Amino acid sequence: KLPNLRLLRANFARFKGYEHMPKELRWLEWHGCPLRSLPDYATLDKVAVLDLSKSKIERLWHTKWWWWSRKK
């Protein structure tokens, strides 16, 4: 675990345990992400930069819950 990690850069990598993403993460650069959408439980509340270029992402989350929680 890297709880204070703020920058994560990955190229065509596969991860397990998205629910354990660092809560202090501010910048996520994941080129070639193999997922079609990010898991709803991925904690990315503080992410300011999200670069998923060259990935298979079609939408960020399965539900709109993240967007609603950000408005509060």
Protein backbone atom coordinates (compact mmCIF):
# COMPACT_ATOMS: atom_id res chain seq x y z
CA LYS A 1 0.00 0.00 0.00
CA LEU A 2 1.07 3.55 -0.77
CA PRO A 3 -1.49 5.70 1.07
CA ASN A 4 0.22 9.04 0.33
CA LEU A 5 0.86 8.42 -3.38
CA ARG A 6 -0.24 11.48 -5.39
CA LEU A 7 0.97 10.65 -8.91
CA LEU A 8 0.49 7.31 -10.64
CA ARG A 9 1.71 6.72 -14.19
CA ALA A 10 1.21 3.39 -15.90
CA ASN A 11 1.53 2.23 -19.49
CA PHE A 12 -0.60 -0.72 -20.60
CA ALA A 13 -0.61 -2.14 -17.05
CA ARG A 14 -3.16 -4.37 -15.32
CA PHE A 15 -3.99 -3.80 -11.66
CA LYS A 16 -5.95 -5.64 -8.99
CA GLY A 17 -7.66 -4.11 -5.99
CA TYR A 18 -9.09 -0.86 -7.35
CA GLU A 19 -10.89 -0.34 -4.04
CA HIS A 20 -7.45 0.24 -2.52
CA MET A 21 -6.44 3.12 -4.78
CA PRO A 22 -4.52 5.72 -2.73
CA LYS A 23 -6.95 8.26 -1.26
CA GLU A 24 -4.45 11.11 -1.79
CA LEU A 25 -4.05 10.37 -5.52
CA ARG A 26 -4.24 13.63 -7.52
CA TRP A 27 -2.93 12.58 -10.93
CA LEU A 28 -3.74 9.29 -12.65
CA GLU A 29 -2.12 8.67 -16.02
CA TRP A 30 -2.98 5.18 -17.24
CA HIS A 31 -2.28 4.82 -20.95
CA GLY A 32 -3.75 1.67 -22.42
CA CYS A 33 -6.09 0.93 -19.52
CA PRO A 34 -7.67 -2.48 -20.36
CA LEU A 35 -10.99 -1.74 -18.60
CA ARG A 36 -14.15 -0.57 -20.39
CA SER A 37 -15.22 1.49 -17.35
CA LEU A 38 -13.74 2.31 -13.97
CA PRO A 39 -15.21 0.38 -11.03
CA ASP A 40 -17.80 2.33 -9.03
CA TYR A 41 -15.84 1.68 -5.85
CA ALA A 42 -12.54 3.14 -7.13
CA THR A 43 -11.78 6.00 -4.75
CA LEU A 44 -10.69 8.84 -7.00
CA ASP A 45 -12.27 11.73 -5.09
CA LYS A 46 -9.17 13.95 -5.15
CA VAL A 47 -8.00 13.21 -8.70
CA ALA A 48 -7.57 16.45 -10.65
CA VAL A 49 -5.90 14.97 -13.76
CA LEU A 50 -7.17 11.77 -15.35
CA ASP A 51 -5.38 10.68 -18.53
CA LEU A 52 -6.71 7.41 -19.95
CA SER A 53 -5.50 7.86 -23.51
CA LYS A 54 -5.08 4.78 -25.70
CA SER A 55 -7.34 2.88 -23.32
CA LYS A 56 -10.48 0.81 -23.83
CA ILE A 57 -12.50 3.09 -21.55
CA GLU A 58 -15.98 3.74 -22.94
CA ARG A 59 -17.31 5.50 -19.83
CA LEU A 60 -15.78 6.35 -16.48
CA TRP A 61 -18.19 4.58 -14.13
CA HIS A 62 -21.10 2.16 -14.44
CA THR A 63 -23.40 4.53 -12.53
CA LYS A 64 -23.77 8.27 -12.14
CA TRP A 65 -23.31 8.05 -8.35
CA TRP A 66 -19.82 9.55 -8.48
CA TRP A 67 -21.07 12.65 -10.29
CA TRP A 68 -23.94 13.13 -7.83
CA SER A 69 -21.67 12.77 -4.82
CA ARG A 70 -19.26 15.37 -6.26
CA LYS A 71 -22.06 17.96 -6.48
CA LYS A 72 -22.76 17.86 -2.73
